[in-house]
Amino acid sequence: MQAKPTERWTVAALAKAAGLSRAAFARRFLAELGAPPLRHLTTIRMQRAARRLAESDDSLAAIAAEVGYDSEFAFSRAFKRHTGEAPAAFRRRCSAQGAALALPVVCAAA
């Protein structure tokens, strides 16, 4: 997941790659990382998206595709759900603050 966050990962596919049942994989993953596999994937994607939003002028559609979302709308909705802030608002705030990043998802205290 770390190396290929744009893949369409499923718990079943990850479990198969690990040689475990789906349930055993999910339990072990949660115990080791403290989050279910697909929530962890969302965190990886949102961290990368936040960095791209703060460091580039790329379009939201381009960033959405880069972190594994099929549409700007789906990406925007996931970003806001994860961070509490819309991607465009996050970018404006980071730009206005000229902020050095303190990711995972904040460029500075709001």
Protein backbone atom coordinates (compact mmCIF):
# COMPACT_ATOMS: atom_id res chain seq x y z
CA MET A 1 0.00 0.00 0.00
CA GLN A 2 2.81 2.36 0.86
CA ALA A 3 4.54 1.92 -2.48
CA LYS A 4 1.38 1.85 -4.62
CA PRO A 5 -1.36 3.90 -2.95
CA THR A 6 -3.22 4.30 -6.24
CA GLU A 7 -3.95 0.57 -6.50
CA ARG A 8 -7.51 -0.58 -5.85
CA TRP A 9 -6.57 -2.45 -2.69
CA THR A 10 -8.98 -4.77 -0.94
CA VAL A 11 -8.51 -6.50 2.39
CA ALA A 12 -8.97 -9.82 0.60
CA ALA A 13 -6.15 -9.07 -1.87
CA LEU A 14 -3.83 -7.90 0.89
CA ALA A 15 -4.63 -10.98 2.96
CA LYS A 16 -3.93 -13.26 0.01
CA ALA A 17 -0.56 -11.58 -0.58
CA ALA A 18 0.27 -12.09 3.09
CA GLY A 19 -0.85 -15.72 3.02
CA LEU A 20 -3.54 -15.20 5.65
CA SER A 21 -7.28 -15.37 5.80
CA ARG A 22 -9.06 -12.05 5.43
CA ALA A 23 -10.10 -12.01 9.10
CA ALA A 24 -6.67 -13.03 10.40
CA PHE A 25 -4.98 -10.41 8.24
CA ALA A 26 -7.36 -7.66 9.35
CA ARG A 27 -6.85 -8.55 13.03
CA ARG A 28 -3.07 -8.68 12.72
CA PHE A 29 -2.93 -5.45 10.71
CA LEU A 30 -5.05 -3.64 13.29
CA ALA A 31 -2.93 -4.97 16.15
CA GLU A 32 0.34 -3.94 14.47
CA LEU A 33 -0.60 -0.56 13.01
CA GLY A 34 -3.53 0.51 15.17
CA ALA A 35 -5.88 1.04 12.24
CA PRO A 36 -7.77 -1.22 9.84
CA PRO A 37 -6.04 -1.74 6.47
CA LEU A 38 -8.27 0.48 4.34
CA ARG A 39 -8.28 3.29 6.91
CA HIS A 40 -4.48 3.12 6.89
CA LEU A 41 -4.56 3.36 3.09
CA THR A 42 -6.76 6.47 3.33
CA THR A 43 -4.28 8.02 5.75
CA ILE A 44 -1.40 7.35 3.34
CA ARG A 45 -3.37 8.91 0.50
CA MET A 46 -4.39 11.96 2.52
CA GLN A 47 -0.83 12.59 3.71
CA ARG A 48 0.42 12.54 0.13
CA ALA A 49 -2.46 14.72 -1.02
CA ALA A 50 -1.84 17.26 1.74
CA ARG A 51 1.81 17.50 0.77
CA ARG A 52 0.93 17.95 -2.91
CA LEU A 53 -1.72 20.57 -2.11
CA ALA A 54 0.74 22.55 -0.01
CA GLU A 55 3.76 22.21 -2.30
CA SER A 56 2.32 22.41 -5.81
CA ASP A 57 -0.11 24.30 -7.99
CA ASP A 58 -1.37 21.08 -9.59
CA SER A 59 -5.12 20.84 -10.10
CA LEU A 60 -7.28 18.99 -7.60
CA ALA A 61 -8.14 16.51 -10.37
CA ALA A 62 -4.45 15.77 -10.98
CA ILE A 63 -3.76 15.33 -7.26
CA ALA A 64 -6.86 13.16 -6.88
CA ALA A 65 -5.62 10.83 -9.63
CA GLU A 66 -2.10 10.83 -8.20
CA VAL A 67 -3.32 9.57 -4.82
CA GLY A 68 -5.78 7.01 -6.16
CA TYR A 69 -9.17 8.69 -6.62
CA ASP A 70 -11.17 8.45 -9.84
CA SER A 71 -12.74 11.86 -9.47
CA GLU A 72 -12.04 15.24 -7.96
CA PHE A 73 -15.40 15.02 -6.17
CA ALA A 74 -14.60 11.69 -4.48
CA PHE A 75 -11.17 12.97 -3.49
CA SER A 76 -12.54 16.25 -2.12
CA ARG A 77 -15.17 14.44 -0.08
CA ALA A 78 -12.60 11.99 1.35
CA PHE A 79 -10.10 14.78 2.12
CA LYS A 80 -12.72 16.83 3.96
CA ARG A 81 -13.95 13.79 5.89
CA HIS A 82 -10.37 12.92 6.86
CA THR A 83 -9.08 16.42 7.70
CA GLY A 84 -12.20 18.46 8.39
CA GLU A 85 -11.18 20.90 5.67
CA ALA A 86 -11.81 21.03 1.92
CA PRO A 87 -8.69 20.58 -0.23
CA ALA A 88 -8.94 24.07 -1.76
CA ALA A 89 -9.31 25.66 1.69
CA PHE A 90 -6.35 23.65 2.96
CA ARG A 91 -4.25 24.84 0.01
CA ARG A 92 -5.27 28.49 0.50
CA ARG A 93 -4.45 28.34 4.22
CA CYS A 94 -1.06 26.76 3.61
CA SER A 95 -0.30 29.27 0.88
CA ALA A 96 -1.38 32.24 3.00
CA GLN A 97 0.74 31.08 5.91
CA GLY A 98 3.74 30.30 3.73
CA ALA A 99 3.84 27.30 6.03
CA ALA A 100 6.47 24.71 6.52
CA LEU A 101 4.57 21.44 6.60
CA ALA A 102 3.87 19.62 9.79
CA LEU A 103 2.04 16.74 8.18
CA PRO A 104 0.22 14.36 8.34
CA VAL A 105 -2.52 16.81 7.38
CA VAL A 106 -1.89 20.23 8.83
CA CYS A 107 0.38 22.93 7.53
CA ALA A 108 -0.02 24.88 10.76
CA ALA A 109 -2.64 25.31 13.43
CA ALA A 110 -5.89 26.50 11.96
